[in-house]
C-alpha atoms as a PDB file:
ATOM      1  CA  MET A   1       0.000   0.000   0.000  1.00  0.00           C
ATOM      2  CA  LYS A   2       2.881   2.350   0.765  1.00  0.00           C
ATOM      3  CA  LYS A   3       4.397   1.759  -2.674  1.00  0.00           C
ATOM      4  CA  LEU A   4       1.011   2.330  -4.300  1.00  0.00           C
ATOM      5  CA  GLY A   5       0.658   5.592  -2.384  1.00  0.00           C
ATOM      6  CA  LYS A   6       4.114   6.741  -3.480  1.00  0.00           C
ATOM      7  CA  ILE A   7       3.347   5.876  -7.111  1.00  0.00           C
ATOM      8  CA  TYR A   8       0.059   7.783  -6.926  1.00  0.00           C
ATOM      9  CA  LEU A   9       1.789  10.828  -5.381  1.00  0.00           C
ATOM     10  CA  ALA A  10       4.509  10.702  -8.058  1.00  0.00           C
ATOM     11  CA  LEU A  11       1.897  10.601 -10.842  1.00  0.00           C
ATOM     12  CA  VAL A  12       0.005  13.548  -9.352  1.00  0.00           C
ATOM     13  CA  LEU A  13       3.183  15.627  -9.019  1.00  0.00           C
ATOM     14  CA  LEU A  14       4.201  14.628 -12.539  1.00  0.00           C
ATOM     15  CA  PHE A  15       0.827  15.682 -13.908  1.00  0.00           C
ATOM     16  CA  LEU A  16       1.010  19.047 -12.100  1.00  0.00           C
ATOM     17  CA  TYR A  17       4.618  20.041 -12.703  1.00  0.00           C
ATOM     18  CA  VAL A  18       5.611  18.594 -16.083  1.00  0.00           C
ATOM     19  CA  PRO A  19       3.587  21.273 -17.981  1.00  0.00           C
ATOM     20  CA  ILE A  20       5.293  23.977 -15.898  1.00  0.00           C
ATOM     21  CA  PHE A  21       8.690  22.434 -16.599  1.00  0.00           C
ATOM     22  CA  VAL A  22       7.929  22.399 -20.350  1.00  0.00           C
ATOM     23  CA  LEU A  23       6.833  26.046 -20.156  1.00  0.00           C
ATOM     24  CA  ILE A  24      10.097  27.003 -18.409  1.00  0.00           C
ATOM     25  CA  VAL A  25      12.208  25.125 -20.981  1.00  0.00           C
ATOM     26  CA  PHE A  26      10.472  26.740 -23.974  1.00  0.00           C
ATOM     27  CA  SER A  27      10.823  30.208 -22.437  1.00  0.00           C
ATOM     28  CA  PHE A  28      14.509  29.847 -23.404  1.00  0.00           C
ATOM     29  CA  ASN A  29      13.758  28.590 -26.923  1.00  0.00           C
ATOM     30  CA  GLU A  30      15.131  30.755 -29.719  1.00  0.00           C
ATOM     31  CA  SER A  31      12.240  30.030 -32.096  1.00  0.00           C
ATOM     32  CA  LYS A  32       8.516  30.564 -31.509  1.00  0.00           C
ATOM     33  CA  SER A  33       7.862  26.862 -31.900  1.00  0.00           C
ATOM     34  CA  ARG A  34       5.955  25.199 -29.055  1.00  0.00           C
ATOM     35  CA  SER A  35       7.121  21.694 -29.973  1.00  0.00           C
ATOM     36  CA  VAL A  36      10.724  21.943 -31.246  1.00  0.00           C
ATOM     37  CA  PHE A  37      13.561  23.370 -29.143  1.00  0.00           C
ATOM     38  CA  THR A  38      16.169  24.984 -31.431  1.00  0.00           C
ATOM     39  CA  ASN A  39      18.720  27.048 -29.465  1.00  0.00           C
ATOM     40  CA  PHE A  40      19.063  28.460 -25.948  1.00  0.00           C
ATOM     41  CA  THR A  41      18.436  32.222 -25.636  1.00  0.00           C
ATOM     42  CA  PHE A  42      17.393  34.967 -23.188  1.00  0.00           C
ATOM     43  CA  ASP A  43      15.857  37.094 -25.968  1.00  0.00           C
ATOM     44  CA  TRP A  44      12.252  36.520 -24.823  1.00  0.00           C
ATOM     45  CA  TYR A  45      13.098  37.779 -21.343  1.00  0.00           C
ATOM     46  CA  VAL A  46      14.701  40.895 -22.861  1.00  0.00           C
ATOM     47  CA  ARG A  47      11.649  41.476 -25.064  1.00  0.00           C
ATOM     48  CA  LEU A  48       9.376  40.915 -22.084  1.00  0.00           C
ATOM     49  CA  PHE A  49      10.936  43.779 -20.138  1.00  0.00           C
ATOM     50  CA  HIS A  50      10.617  46.023 -23.193  1.00  0.00           C
ATOM     51  CA  ASN A  51       6.907  45.239 -23.623  1.00  0.00           C
ATOM     52  CA  ARG A  52       5.147  48.316 -22.219  1.00  0.00           C
ATOM     53  CA  ILE A  53       1.707  46.692 -22.077  1.00  0.00           C
ATOM     54  CA  ILE A  54       2.908  43.754 -19.988  1.00  0.00           C
ATOM     55  CA  ILE A  55       5.071  45.896 -17.696  1.00  0.00           C
ATOM     56  CA  SER A  56       2.208  48.361 -17.155  1.00  0.00           C
ATOM     57  CA  SER A  57      -0.185  45.504 -16.339  1.00  0.00           C
ATOM     58  CA  LEU A  58       2.402  43.939 -14.022  1.00  0.00           C
ATOM     59  CA  VAL A  59       2.848  47.213 -12.103  1.00  0.00           C
ATOM     60  CA  ASN A  60      -0.948  47.595 -11.818  1.00  0.00           C
ATOM     61  CA  THR A  61      -1.262  44.015 -10.581  1.00  0.00           C
ATOM     62  CA  LEU A  62       1.476  44.415  -7.956  1.00  0.00           C
ATOM     63  CA  ILE A  63       0.036  47.709  -6.658  1.00  0.00           C
ATOM     64  CA  ILE A  64      -3.529  46.357  -6.513  1.00  0.00           C
ATOM     65  CA  ALA A  65      -2.401  43.099  -4.879  1.00  0.00           C
ATOM     66  CA  ALA A  66      -0.273  44.939  -2.293  1.00  0.00           C
ATOM     67  CA  ILE A  67      -3.004  47.423  -1.329  1.00  0.00           C
ATOM     68  CA  ALA A  68      -5.760  44.782  -1.317  1.00  0.00           C
ATOM     69  CA  SER A  69      -3.759  42.236   0.691  1.00  0.00           C
ATOM     70  CA  ILE A  70      -2.645  44.771   3.314  1.00  0.00           C
ATOM     71  CA  ALA A  71      -6.168  46.210   3.674  1.00  0.00           C
ATOM     72  CA  SER A  72      -7.788  42.762   3.784  1.00  0.00           C
ATOM     73  CA  THR A  73      -5.225  41.557   6.361  1.00  0.00           C
ATOM     74  CA  ILE A  74      -6.046  44.487   8.656  1.00  0.00           C
ATOM     75  CA  LEU A  75      -9.813  44.085   8.176  1.00  0.00           C
ATOM     76  CA  GLY A  76      -9.624  40.292   8.462  1.00  0.00           C
ATOM     77  CA  THR A  77      -7.560  40.458  11.677  1.00  0.00           C
ATOM     78  CA  PHE A  78     -10.024  42.783  13.402  1.00  0.00           C
ATOM     79  CA  ALA A  79     -12.938  40.713  12.079  1.00  0.00           C
ATOM     80  CA  ALA A  80     -11.361  37.495  13.417  1.00  0.00           C
ATOM     81  CA  ILE A  81     -10.869  39.128  16.840  1.00  0.00           C
ATOM     82  CA  GLY A  82     -14.520  40.197  16.870  1.00  0.00           C
ATOM     83  CA  ILE A  83     -15.788  36.787  15.702  1.00  0.00           C
ATOM     84  CA  ASN A  84     -13.666  34.989  18.319  1.00  0.00           C
ATOM     85  CA  SER A  85     -15.286  37.009  21.120  1.00  0.00           C
ATOM     86  CA  MET A  86     -18.818  36.013  20.024  1.00  0.00           C
ATOM     87  CA  ARG A  87     -20.944  33.305  21.574  1.00  0.00           C
ATOM     88  CA  LYS A  88     -21.182  29.881  19.969  1.00  0.00           C
ATOM     89  CA  VAL A  89     -24.347  30.256  17.845  1.00  0.00           C
ATOM     90  CA  PRO A  90     -23.723  33.808  16.486  1.00  0.00           C
ATOM     91  CA  LYS A  91     -20.086  32.840  15.884  1.00  0.00           C
ATOM     92  CA  ALA A  92     -21.103  29.819  13.780  1.00  0.00           C
ATOM     93  CA  MET A  93     -23.586  31.944  11.793  1.00  0.00           C
ATOM     94  CA  VAL A  94     -21.031  34.672  11.077  1.00  0.00           C
ATOM     95  CA  MET A  95     -18.390  32.093  10.063  1.00  0.00           C
ATOM     96  CA  ASN A  96     -20.842  30.481   7.629  1.00  0.00           C
ATOM     97  CA  ILE A  97     -21.576  33.893   6.095  1.00  0.00           C
ATOM     98  CA  THR A  98     -17.827  34.650   5.962  1.00  0.00           C
ATOM     99  CA  ASN A  99     -17.103  31.375   4.166  1.00  0.00           C
ATOM    100  CA  MET A 100     -19.763  31.975   1.507  1.00  0.00           C
ATOM    101  CA  PRO A 101     -17.478  34.051  -0.813  1.00  0.00           C
ATOM    102  CA  ILE A 102     -14.941  31.187  -0.690  1.00  0.00           C
ATOM    103  CA  ILE A 103     -17.527  28.536  -1.620  1.00  0.00           C
ATOM    104  CA  ASN A 104     -19.332  30.797  -4.062  1.00  0.00           C
ATOM    105  CA  PRO A 105     -18.256  30.465  -7.740  1.00  0.00           C
ATOM    106  CA  GLU A 106     -15.990  33.330  -8.795  1.00  0.00           C
ATOM    107  CA  ILE A 107     -18.201  34.219 -11.745  1.00  0.00           C
ATOM    108  CA  VAL A 108     -21.138  34.859  -9.368  1.00  0.00           C
ATOM    109  CA  THR A 109     -18.952  37.103  -7.209  1.00  0.00           C
ATOM    110  CA  GLY A 110     -17.618  38.918 -10.277  1.00  0.00           C
ATOM    111  CA  VAL A 111     -21.026  39.539 -11.834  1.00  0.00           C
ATOM    112  CA  SER A 112     -22.601  40.640  -8.537  1.00  0.00           C
ATOM    113  CA  LEU A 113     -19.770  43.104  -7.862  1.00  0.00           C
ATOM    114  CA  MET A 114     -20.021  44.410 -11.418  1.00  0.00           C
ATOM    115  CA  LEU A 115     -23.758  45.059 -10.978  1.00  0.00           C
ATOM    116  CA  LEU A 116     -23.102  46.756  -7.633  1.00  0.00           C
ATOM    117  CA  PHE A 117     -20.474  49.041  -9.159  1.00  0.00           C
ATOM    118  CA  VAL A 118     -22.759  49.825 -12.104  1.00  0.00           C
ATOM    119  CA  PHE A 119     -25.507  50.811  -9.634  1.00  0.00           C
ATOM    120  CA  PHE A 120     -23.198  53.205  -7.779  1.00  0.00           C
ATOM    121  CA  ALA A 121     -21.451  54.432 -10.936  1.00  0.00           C
ATOM    122  CA  ALA A 122     -24.761  55.669 -12.352  1.00  0.00           C
ATOM    123  CA  ARG A 123     -25.383  57.718  -9.220  1.00  0.00           C
ATOM    124  CA  MET A 124     -21.896  58.778  -8.097  1.00  0.00           C
ATOM    125  CA  HIS A 125     -20.341  59.296 -11.560  1.00  0.00           C
ATOM    126  CA  PHE A 126     -17.207  57.165 -11.222  1.00  0.00           C
ATOM    127  CA  GLU A 127     -15.657  54.785 -13.728  1.00  0.00           C
ATOM    128  CA  PHE A 128     -14.547  51.184 -13.541  1.00  0.00           C
ATOM    129  CA  GLY A 129     -10.819  50.879 -12.992  1.00  0.00           C
ATOM    130  CA  PHE A 130      -8.243  51.003 -10.220  1.00  0.00           C
ATOM    131  CA  VAL A 131     -10.668  51.682  -7.330  1.00  0.00           C
ATOM    132  CA  THR A 132     -13.218  49.040  -8.333  1.00  0.00           C
ATOM    133  CA  LEU A 133     -10.450  46.451  -8.705  1.00  0.00           C
ATOM    134  CA  ILE A 134      -9.075  47.171  -5.232  1.00  0.00           C
ATOM    135  CA  ILE A 135     -12.550  46.976  -3.642  1.00  0.00           C
ATOM    136  CA  ALA A 136     -13.279  43.716  -5.488  1.00  0.00           C
ATOM    137  CA  HIS A 137      -9.975  42.171  -4.412  1.00  0.00           C
ATOM    138  CA  ILE A 138     -10.472  43.188  -0.780  1.00  0.00           C
ATOM    139  CA  THR A 139     -13.941  41.627  -0.903  1.00  0.00           C
ATOM    140  CA  PHE A 140     -12.708  38.147  -1.799  1.00  0.00           C
ATOM    141  CA  ASP A 141      -9.430  38.401   0.163  1.00  0.00           C
ATOM    142  CA  VAL A 142     -10.899  39.127   3.625  1.00  0.00           C
ATOM    143  CA  PRO A 143     -12.564  35.674   4.084  1.00  0.00           C
ATOM    144  CA  TYR A 144      -9.232  33.931   3.397  1.00  0.00           C
ATOM    145  CA  VAL A 145      -7.493  36.045   6.038  1.00  0.00           C
ATOM    146  CA  ILE A 146     -10.194  35.225   8.599  1.00  0.00           C
ATOM    147  CA  LEU A 147      -9.979  31.542   7.649  1.00  0.00           C
ATOM    148  CA  ASN A 148      -6.227  31.533   8.419  1.00  0.00           C
ATOM    149  CA  ILE A 149      -6.435  33.453  11.696  1.00  0.00           C
ATOM    150  CA  MET A 150      -9.379  31.692  13.400  1.00  0.00           C
ATOM    151  CA  PRO A 151      -7.537  28.355  13.976  1.00  0.00           C
ATOM    152  CA  LYS A 152      -4.801  30.273  15.838  1.00  0.00           C
ATOM    153  CA  PHE A 153      -7.390  31.522  18.336  1.00  0.00           C
ATOM    154  CA  LYS A 154      -8.491  27.908  18.899  1.00  0.00           C
ATOM    155  CA  GLN A 155      -4.883  26.870  19.564  1.00  0.00           C
ATOM    156  CA  MET A 156      -4.312  29.762  21.985  1.00  0.00           C
ATOM    157  CA  ASP A 157      -5.106  29.503  25.703  1.00  0.00           C
ATOM    158  CA  PRO A 158      -8.275  31.638  26.140  1.00  0.00           C
ATOM    159  CA  HIS A 159      -7.102  32.824  29.582  1.00  0.00           C
ATOM    160  CA  LEU A 160      -3.817  34.372  28.365  1.00  0.00           C
ATOM    161  CA  TYR A 161      -5.424  37.750  27.683  1.00  0.00           C
ATOM    162  CA  GLU A 162      -6.974  37.944  31.154  1.00  0.00           C
ATOM    163  CA  ALA A 163      -3.748  36.725  32.766  1.00  0.00           C
ATOM    164  CA  ALA A 164      -1.792  39.511  31.048  1.00  0.00           C
ATOM    165  CA  GLN A 165      -4.269  42.085  32.375  1.00  0.00           C
ATOM    166  CA  ASP A 166      -4.013  40.630  35.888  1.00  0.00           C
ATOM    167  CA  LEU A 167      -0.237  41.077  35.661  1.00  0.00           C
ATOM    168  CA  GLY A 168      -0.592  44.816  34.974  1.00  0.00           C
ATOM    169  CA  CYS A 169      -1.033  45.086  31.198  1.00  0.00           C
ATOM    170  CA  SER A 170      -3.623  47.418  29.755  1.00  0.00           C
ATOM    171  CA  SER A 171      -6.109  46.050  27.193  1.00  0.00           C
ATOM    172  CA  PHE A 172      -3.927  47.259  24.322  1.00  0.00           C
ATOM    173  CA  GLN A 173      -0.701  45.948  25.903  1.00  0.00           C
ATOM    174  CA  ALA A 174      -2.283  42.546  26.557  1.00  0.00           C
ATOM    175  CA  PHE A 175      -3.380  42.297  22.934  1.00  0.00           C
ATOM    176  CA  TYR A 176      -0.096  43.609  21.497  1.00  0.00           C
ATOM    177  CA  LYS A 177       2.271  41.583  23.705  1.00  0.00           C
ATOM    178  CA  VAL A 178       0.283  38.371  24.216  1.00  0.00           C
ATOM    179  CA  VAL A 179      -2.508  37.833  21.686  1.00  0.00           C
ATOM    180  CA  LEU A 180      -0.843  39.294  18.574  1.00  0.00           C
ATOM    181  CA  PRO A 181       2.317  37.104  18.742  1.00  0.00           C
ATOM    182  CA  GLU A 182       0.097  34.013  19.135  1.00  0.00           C
ATOM    183  CA  ILE A 183      -1.982  34.755  16.036  1.00  0.00           C
ATOM    184  CA  MET A 184       0.866  36.270  13.983  1.00  0.00           C
ATOM    185  CA  PRO A 185       1.554  33.055  11.977  1.00  0.00           C
ATOM    186  CA  GLY A 186      -2.105  33.072  10.912  1.00  0.00           C
ATOM    187  CA  ILE A 187      -1.906  36.754   9.972  1.00  0.00           C
ATOM    188  CA  ILE A 188       1.203  36.138   7.836  1.00  0.00           C
ATOM    189  CA  SER A 189      -0.398  33.107   6.178  1.00  0.00           C
ATOM    190  CA  GLY A 190      -3.569  35.101   5.514  1.00  0.00           C
ATOM    191  CA  PHE A 191      -1.572  37.961   4.021  1.00  0.00           C
ATOM    192  CA  LEU A 192       0.375  35.637   1.722  1.00  0.00           C
ATOM    193  CA  MET A 193      -2.801  33.853   0.635  1.00  0.00           C
ATOM    194  CA  ALA A 194      -4.545  37.170  -0.028  1.00  0.00           C
ATOM    195  CA  LEU A 195      -1.517  38.392  -1.997  1.00  0.00           C
ATOM    196  CA  THR A 196      -1.419  35.167  -4.034  1.00  0.00           C
ATOM    197  CA  TYR A 197      -5.135  35.265  -4.836  1.00  0.00           C
ATOM    198  CA  SER A 198      -4.949  38.932  -5.838  1.00  0.00           C
ATOM    199  CA  LEU A 199      -2.007  38.297  -8.147  1.00  0.00           C
ATOM    200  CA  ASP A 200      -3.701  35.256  -9.660  1.00  0.00           C
ATOM    201  CA  ASP A 201      -7.321  36.420  -9.928  1.00  0.00           C
ATOM    202  CA  PHE A 202      -8.862  36.637 -13.379  1.00  0.00           C
ATOM    203  CA  VAL A 203     -12.637  36.132 -13.229  1.00  0.00           C
ATOM    204  CA  VAL A 204     -13.532  38.799 -10.641  1.00  0.00           C
ATOM    205  CA  SER A 205     -10.988  41.230 -12.114  1.00  0.00           C
ATOM    206  CA  TYR A 206     -12.397  40.666 -15.608  1.00  0.00           C
ATOM    207  CA  PHE A 207     -15.854  41.848 -14.523  1.00  0.00           C
ATOM    208  CA  THR A 208     -14.667  44.788 -12.390  1.00  0.00           C
ATOM    209  CA  THR A 209     -11.800  46.221 -14.448  1.00  0.00           C
ATOM    210  CA  GLY A 210     -11.865  49.212 -16.772  1.00  0.00           C
ATOM    211  CA  SER A 211     -10.052  50.256 -19.909  1.00  0.00           C
ATOM    212  CA  THR A 212      -7.537  52.393 -17.991  1.00  0.00           C
ATOM    213  CA  SER A 213      -6.170  49.776 -15.603  1.00  0.00           C
ATOM    214  CA  GLN A 214      -5.900  46.095 -16.440  1.00  0.00           C
ATOM    215  CA  THR A 215      -4.316  43.352 -14.366  1.00  0.00           C
ATOM    216  CA  LEU A 216      -1.707  40.962 -15.696  1.00  0.00           C
ATOM    217  CA  PRO A 217      -4.006  37.891 -16.025  1.00  0.00           C
ATOM    218  CA  ILE A 218      -6.430  39.912 -18.179  1.00  0.00           C
ATOM    219  CA  THR A 219      -3.576  41.174 -20.372  1.00  0.00           C
ATOM    220  CA  ILE A 220      -2.224  37.636 -20.779  1.00  0.00           C
ATOM    221  CA  TYR A 221      -5.715  36.380 -21.671  1.00  0.00           C
ATOM    222  CA  SER A 222      -6.125  39.071 -24.338  1.00  0.00           C
ATOM    223  CA  MET A 223      -2.683  38.197 -25.773  1.00  0.00           C
ATOM    224  CA  THR A 224      -3.292  34.427 -25.842  1.00  0.00           C
ATOM    225  CA  ARG A 225      -6.556  34.899 -27.737  1.00  0.00           C
ATOM    226  CA  ARG A 226      -4.453  35.886 -30.753  1.00  0.00           C
ATOM    227  CA  LYS A 227      -1.348  33.722 -30.371  1.00  0.00           C
ATOM    228  CA  VAL A 228       0.736  32.492 -27.458  1.00  0.00           C
ATOM    229  CA  SER A 229       3.991  34.432 -27.530  1.00  0.00           C
ATOM    230  CA  PRO A 230       7.157  33.028 -25.882  1.00  0.00           C
ATOM    231  CA  GLU A 231       7.135  36.267 -23.858  1.00  0.00           C
ATOM    232  CA  ILE A 232       4.212  34.748 -21.929  1.00  0.00           C
ATOM    233  CA  ASN A 233       6.364  31.706 -21.200  1.00  0.00           C
ATOM    234  CA  ALA A 234       9.113  33.967 -19.864  1.00  0.00           C
ATOM    235  CA  LEU A 235       6.645  35.921 -17.727  1.00  0.00           C
ATOM    236  CA  SER A 236       5.056  32.744 -16.346  1.00  0.00           C
ATOM    237  CA  THR A 237       8.515  31.409 -15.479  1.00  0.00           C
ATOM    238  CA  ILE A 238       9.378  34.565 -13.525  1.00  0.00           C
ATOM    239  CA  ILE A 239       6.059  34.435 -11.635  1.00  0.00           C
ATOM    240  CA  PHE A 240       6.529  30.733 -10.823  1.00  0.00           C
ATOM    241  CA  VAL A 241      10.072  31.280  -9.513  1.00  0.00           C
ATOM    242  CA  ALA A 242       8.952  34.316  -7.453  1.00  0.00           C
ATOM    243  CA  VAL A 243       6.093  32.356  -5.824  1.00  0.00           C
ATOM    244  CA  LEU A 244       8.424  29.396  -5.195  1.00  0.00           C
ATOM    245  CA  VAL A 245      10.963  31.665  -3.461  1.00  0.00           C
ATOM    246  CA  ILE A 246       8.227  33.221  -1.274  1.00  0.00           C
ATOM    247  CA  LEU A 247       6.970  29.776  -0.239  1.00  0.00           C
ATOM    248  CA  LEU A 248      10.502  28.550   0.553  1.00  0.00           C
ATOM    249  CA  VAL A 249      11.204  31.651   2.668  1.00  0.00           C
ATOM    250  CA  LYS A 250       7.861  31.233   4.465  1.00  0.00           C
ATOM    251  CA  ASN A 251       8.567  27.564   5.251  1.00  0.00           C
ATOM    252  CA  PHE A 252      12.097  28.415   6.399  1.00  0.00           C
ATOM    253  CA  VAL A 253      10.818  31.115   8.780  1.00  0.00           C
ATOM    254  CA  GLU A 254       8.075  28.837  10.165  1.00  0.00           C
ATOM    255  CA  ASN A 255      10.519  25.967  10.738  1.00  0.00           C
ATOM    256  CA  ARG A 256      12.933  28.324  12.450  1.00  0.00           C
ATOM    257  CA  GLN A 257      10.167  29.637  14.742  1.00  0.00           C
ATOM    258  CA  ALA A 258       9.057  26.074  15.538  1.00  0.00           C
ATOM    259  CA  ARG A 259      12.631  25.091  16.475  1.00  0.00           C
ATOM    260  CA  ALA A 260      12.966  28.201  18.654  1.00  0.00           C
ATOM    261  CA  LYS A 261       9.764  27.278  20.518  1.00  0.00           C
ATOM    262  CA  GLU A 262      11.036  23.721  21.034  1.00  0.00           C
ATOM    263  CA  VAL A 263      14.304  25.029  22.473  1.00  0.00           C
ATOM    264  CA  LYS A 264      12.434  27.356  24.870  1.00  0.00           C
ATOM    265  CA  ALA A 265      10.141  24.514  25.924  1.00  0.00           C
END
């Protein structure tokens, strides 16, 4: 059974990562062929950084993802603190409502937000673009932040906050010095997940974007409708490597913190 499990895991990993490996290899292909590798070159990476449309979309995506993830992390942290202090029945109800955007199909979220923005745009005279994208991204990012923080409250001793106050801490000091360090891994995980989803999102962004500010997934989609350029391969390779580095750093930091706690214990 163990061998069968290992074979199954190997097949799954092969199925997931072989296409990415092929994409990375052909990002260094001299020709535009997607089946024959001719010569090794960095030309597509050079052309990528000279493509104004892609660079502009990348900058927009990074700015929107950064603002949305930071805002959703702050809102999600305060929301998680409030939800944790509720009683059992209201807490379960609020958590079910919070999880609905995660379960809900993205196209439903995108269309509903588009209709909401159209309603307000007709009355407040604003256009679809940077602001609508940020609001949309915050909307679907907040539930993921809450989802990452709530388990940390369950792992934490519920009497720590009161004990800190009994020892002379004010309410703010007890939260800052005791509660915040306990839930910080969840906050970091929520931030990284929100950042990843914002960078990756296509469906919601497609329905809430404007002509003045497009995200990178929408730009890539519009380019692939004509023909897949090797520049897209180069861009995808850079994104994959960047995400891989972030995940490795995150795992390294978490392992280091876990070892430090074991040494203290």
